[in-house]
Amino acid sequence: MKNLTVYLVRHGQTYYNRYNRMQGWADSPLTEQGIQDAENTGNRLAQLKFARAYCSDTGRARNTARLILRANDSSLITEPEETSYFREQFYGYFEGANSSETWYMAGYPHGCKNFAEIITNYSIDASKDFMKEADPFHDAENSTEYWHRLLQGIAKIREENQTDTNVLLVSHGTTIRSIVGKYGTNQFDLTKSPLNGSVTKLRVSDTDIAVDYYNRIEGQL
């Protein structure tokens, strides 16, 4: 039975984060705070030996992963492997739009005024379906499209890593919440977004994923 430990990190703060903009497949650079977020996380993970490191194919994830690996004293890896499988949810027409206004538009037809109400009254997967409905071009990913992509990434990690090894994965806020929502058995408050640079620890077997903790920025990892 394969047993992997995945340290799932949210990228450092970006300018779109700072300005409260929708940031899925759209990208923006790390702010000075975002660089510090990544460096802080790298210092906290410095003693862990990673067999592999992955990130989404966005600049914000790539640069965060590089800064984490630069601080790592225990691994031989210097560059993460980029893959589109671990991109953030695609928001279609709403990429770059004001986040609060966007989630109001997506949730209002369903009696919700913001993202927290959507996932509390429905689910994170429902939020994806609502986003696609609200998108006038219907280009945004719904839950089926999103999971078809993401599960290929999880399969890749399972296939490429040996048992009892550590894996670094740098991804995105909604993606982290989606994974924890699917596999975390209602243990965690997902109305709270994972902080930039936070660590979520997963134990990945051949058939399942367990979430040890979510959105940790200090303490034992």
Protein backbone atom coordinates (compact mmCIF):
# COMPACT_ATOMS: atom_id res chain seq x y z
CA MET A 1 0.00 0.00 0.00
CA LYS A 2 1.45 3.34 -1.05
CA ASN A 3 1.57 6.07 1.58
CA LEU A 4 2.77 9.56 0.60
CA THR A 5 2.88 12.75 2.63
CA VAL A 6 2.00 15.82 0.57
CA TYR A 7 2.71 19.29 1.91
CA LEU A 8 0.20 21.42 0.03
CA VAL A 9 1.16 25.11 0.08
CA ARG A 10 -0.77 28.12 -1.09
CA HIS A 11 1.38 30.51 -3.13
CA GLY A 12 2.51 33.81 -1.64
CA GLN A 13 0.39 36.94 -1.84
CA THR A 14 -0.03 38.42 -5.33
CA TYR A 15 -1.21 41.81 -6.51
CA TYR A 16 -4.60 40.32 -7.46
CA ASN A 17 -4.86 38.93 -3.91
CA ARG A 18 -4.02 42.34 -2.53
CA TYR A 19 -6.65 44.03 -4.70
CA ASN A 20 -9.33 41.35 -4.06
CA ARG A 21 -9.50 40.25 -7.70
CA MET A 22 -10.54 36.89 -9.13
CA GLN A 23 -7.38 34.99 -9.96
CA GLY A 24 -7.83 31.58 -11.50
CA TRP A 25 -5.93 30.99 -14.71
CA ALA A 26 -5.10 34.69 -14.79
CA ASP A 27 -1.83 35.48 -13.06
CA SER A 28 -0.15 38.36 -11.27
CA PRO A 29 3.28 38.69 -9.65
CA LEU A 30 4.08 38.07 -6.02
CA THR A 31 4.10 41.21 -3.91
CA GLU A 32 6.94 41.91 -1.49
CA GLN A 33 4.72 40.33 1.15
CA GLY A 34 4.21 37.35 -1.16
CA ILE A 35 7.95 36.82 -1.48
CA GLN A 36 8.20 36.97 2.30
CA ASP A 37 5.32 34.47 2.59
CA ALA A 38 7.24 32.00 0.41
CA GLU A 39 10.52 32.53 2.22
CA ASN A 40 8.85 32.04 5.60
CA THR A 41 7.28 28.80 4.43
CA GLY A 42 10.59 27.65 2.98
CA ASN A 43 12.27 28.17 6.34
CA ARG A 44 9.55 26.18 8.09
CA LEU A 45 9.89 23.28 5.63
CA ALA A 46 13.69 23.46 5.32
CA GLN A 47 14.39 20.22 7.21
CA LEU A 48 11.97 18.09 5.21
CA LYS A 49 13.41 15.90 2.46
CA PHE A 50 11.16 16.07 -0.59
CA ALA A 51 11.27 13.31 -3.19
CA ARG A 52 9.56 15.58 -5.74
CA ALA A 53 8.12 19.08 -5.95
CA TYR A 54 5.16 20.11 -8.09
CA CYS A 55 3.38 23.37 -8.79
CA SER A 56 0.76 24.73 -11.14
CA ASP A 57 2.01 26.34 -14.35
CA THR A 58 1.45 29.88 -13.08
CA GLY A 59 4.18 32.33 -12.17
CA ARG A 60 2.87 32.83 -8.65
CA ALA A 61 3.03 29.10 -7.87
CA ARG A 62 6.34 28.56 -9.68
CA ASN A 63 8.10 31.41 -7.90
CA THR A 64 6.72 30.37 -4.52
CA ALA A 65 7.93 26.80 -5.05
CA ARG A 66 11.37 28.00 -6.11
CA LEU A 67 11.73 30.13 -2.98
CA ILE A 68 10.66 27.21 -0.78
CA LEU A 69 13.15 24.87 -2.45
CA ARG A 70 15.93 27.46 -2.23
CA ALA A 71 15.57 27.43 1.56
CA ASN A 72 15.45 23.64 1.79
CA ASP A 73 18.54 22.04 3.33
CA SER A 74 17.48 18.44 2.94
CA SER A 75 16.40 17.96 -0.70
CA LEU A 76 18.38 17.77 -3.92
CA ILE A 77 15.54 19.35 -5.89
CA THR A 78 16.10 22.89 -7.13
CA GLU A 79 13.19 23.29 -9.56
CA PRO A 80 9.53 22.28 -9.22
CA GLU A 81 7.75 20.33 -11.94
CA GLU A 82 5.02 22.50 -13.44
CA THR A 83 1.69 21.04 -14.48
CA SER A 84 -1.62 22.52 -15.57
CA TYR A 85 -3.41 19.86 -13.51
CA PHE A 86 -2.90 21.94 -10.37
CA ARG A 87 -4.06 25.27 -11.74
CA GLU A 88 -6.67 27.20 -9.83
CA GLN A 89 -10.30 26.94 -10.88
CA PHE A 90 -10.92 28.78 -14.17
CA TYR A 91 -13.32 31.69 -13.65
CA GLY A 92 -13.88 32.43 -17.32
CA TYR A 93 -15.41 35.86 -17.97
CA PHE A 94 -14.81 36.83 -14.34
CA GLU A 95 -11.02 36.47 -14.41
CA GLY A 96 -9.57 39.66 -12.93
CA ALA A 97 -12.95 40.96 -11.74
CA ASN A 98 -13.70 42.17 -8.22
CA SER A 99 -14.10 39.06 -6.06
CA SER A 100 -16.94 40.26 -3.84
CA GLU A 101 -19.01 41.46 -6.80
CA THR A 102 -18.37 38.25 -8.73
CA TRP A 103 -19.45 35.92 -5.96
CA TYR A 104 -22.55 38.06 -5.38
CA MET A 105 -23.48 37.62 -9.05
CA ALA A 106 -22.86 33.87 -8.93
CA GLY A 107 -24.66 33.31 -5.63
CA TYR A 108 -27.62 35.69 -5.79
CA PRO A 109 -29.80 33.47 -8.03
CA HIS A 110 -29.38 30.76 -5.38
CA GLY A 111 -30.10 32.95 -2.36
CA CYS A 112 -26.47 33.62 -1.42
CA LYS A 113 -24.61 36.91 -1.24
CA ASN A 114 -21.01 35.72 -1.02
CA PHE A 115 -18.71 32.73 -1.35
CA ALA A 116 -18.97 31.76 2.31
CA GLU A 117 -22.77 31.55 2.07
CA ILE A 118 -22.55 29.45 -1.09
CA ILE A 119 -20.27 26.84 0.42
CA THR A 120 -22.18 26.86 3.74
CA ASN A 121 -25.64 26.47 2.17
CA TYR A 122 -24.54 24.32 -0.76
CA SER A 123 -20.91 23.20 -1.29
CA ILE A 124 -17.63 24.21 -2.86
CA ASP A 125 -18.50 22.12 -5.92
CA ALA A 126 -21.80 23.98 -6.20
CA SER A 127 -19.87 27.26 -6.24
CA LYS A 128 -18.11 26.08 -9.40
CA ASP A 129 -21.41 25.19 -11.06
CA PHE A 130 -22.91 28.56 -10.06
CA MET A 131 -19.89 30.35 -11.52
CA LYS A 132 -20.29 28.63 -14.87
CA GLU A 133 -24.01 29.47 -14.89
CA ALA A 134 -23.25 33.16 -14.20
CA ASP A 135 -20.49 33.39 -16.82
CA PRO A 136 -22.13 34.86 -19.97
CA PHE A 137 -19.69 32.85 -22.10
CA HIS A 138 -20.00 29.71 -19.91
CA ASP A 139 -16.23 29.29 -20.13
CA ALA A 140 -15.72 28.99 -16.36
CA GLU A 141 -15.05 25.45 -15.12
CA ASN A 142 -17.91 23.62 -13.48
CA SER A 143 -17.26 20.99 -10.83
CA THR A 144 -17.14 18.10 -13.31
CA GLU A 145 -14.61 19.82 -15.54
CA TYR A 146 -12.54 20.96 -12.59
CA TRP A 147 -12.28 17.53 -10.95
CA HIS A 148 -11.56 15.78 -14.25
CA ARG A 149 -8.43 17.94 -14.46
CA LEU A 150 -7.37 17.92 -10.82
CA LEU A 151 -7.75 14.17 -10.32
CA GLN A 152 -5.25 13.63 -13.13
CA GLY A 153 -2.76 15.61 -11.07
CA ILE A 154 -3.40 13.50 -7.98
CA ALA A 155 -2.96 10.34 -10.08
CA LYS A 156 0.35 11.73 -11.37
CA ILE A 157 1.63 12.21 -7.82
CA ARG A 158 0.61 8.67 -6.89
CA GLU A 159 2.28 7.17 -9.95
CA GLU A 160 5.56 9.10 -9.77
CA ASN A 161 6.40 8.75 -6.07
CA GLN A 162 7.44 5.82 -3.95
CA THR A 163 5.81 5.01 -0.64
CA ASP A 164 6.89 6.76 2.56
CA THR A 165 8.19 9.86 0.79
CA ASN A 166 7.43 13.57 1.13
CA VAL A 167 6.10 15.63 -1.74
CA LEU A 168 5.85 19.42 -2.05
CA LEU A 169 2.87 20.80 -3.96
CA VAL A 170 2.32 24.54 -4.45
CA SER A 171 -1.16 25.41 -5.62
CA HIS A 172 -4.03 27.83 -4.98
CA GLY A 173 -6.65 28.83 -2.43
CA THR A 174 -9.81 27.41 -3.96
CA THR A 175 -7.96 24.29 -5.07
CA ILE A 176 -6.76 23.68 -1.52
CA ARG A 177 -10.27 24.26 -0.16
CA SER A 178 -11.69 21.91 -2.80
CA ILE A 179 -9.31 19.09 -1.88
CA VAL A 180 -9.96 19.56 1.84
CA GLY A 181 -13.70 19.76 1.21
CA LYS A 182 -13.66 16.49 -0.72
CA TYR A 183 -11.39 14.49 1.55
CA GLY A 184 -11.45 16.27 4.92
CA THR A 185 -14.69 14.68 6.18
CA ASN A 186 -16.11 18.02 7.39
CA GLN A 187 -13.28 18.52 9.91
CA PHE A 188 -12.31 22.03 8.82
CA ASP A 189 -13.95 25.44 8.47
CA LEU A 190 -13.71 26.09 4.75
CA THR A 191 -15.37 29.49 4.97
CA LYS A 192 -11.86 30.60 5.97
CA SER A 193 -9.59 30.79 2.95
CA PRO A 194 -6.13 29.27 3.33
CA LEU A 195 -3.64 32.05 3.97
CA ASN A 196 -0.90 32.81 1.49
CA GLY A 197 2.06 30.60 2.35
CA SER A 198 0.00 28.33 4.59
CA VAL A 199 0.58 24.57 4.68
CA THR A 200 -2.06 21.85 4.46
CA LYS A 201 -0.83 18.31 5.11
CA LEU A 202 -2.25 15.37 3.17
CA ARG A 203 -1.63 11.64 3.51
CA VAL A 204 -2.17 10.04 0.13
CA SER A 205 -2.67 6.29 -0.23
CA ASP A 206 -3.45 4.22 -3.32
CA THR A 207 -7.17 4.73 -2.86
CA ASP A 208 -7.79 7.66 -0.53
CA ILE A 209 -6.56 10.98 0.87
CA ALA A 210 -6.58 11.98 4.54
CA VAL A 211 -6.17 15.58 5.68
CA ASP A 212 -3.99 15.91 8.78
CA TYR A 213 -4.37 19.68 9.06
CA TYR A 214 -5.49 22.69 7.03
CA ASN A 215 -4.20 26.25 6.63
CA ARG A 216 -1.34 26.08 9.13
CA ILE A 217 1.05 29.03 9.24
CA GLU A 218 2.92 28.23 12.43
CA GLY A 219 3.58 25.38 14.80
CA GLN A 220 4.67 21.83 14.06
CA LEU A 221 4.51 20.68 10.45
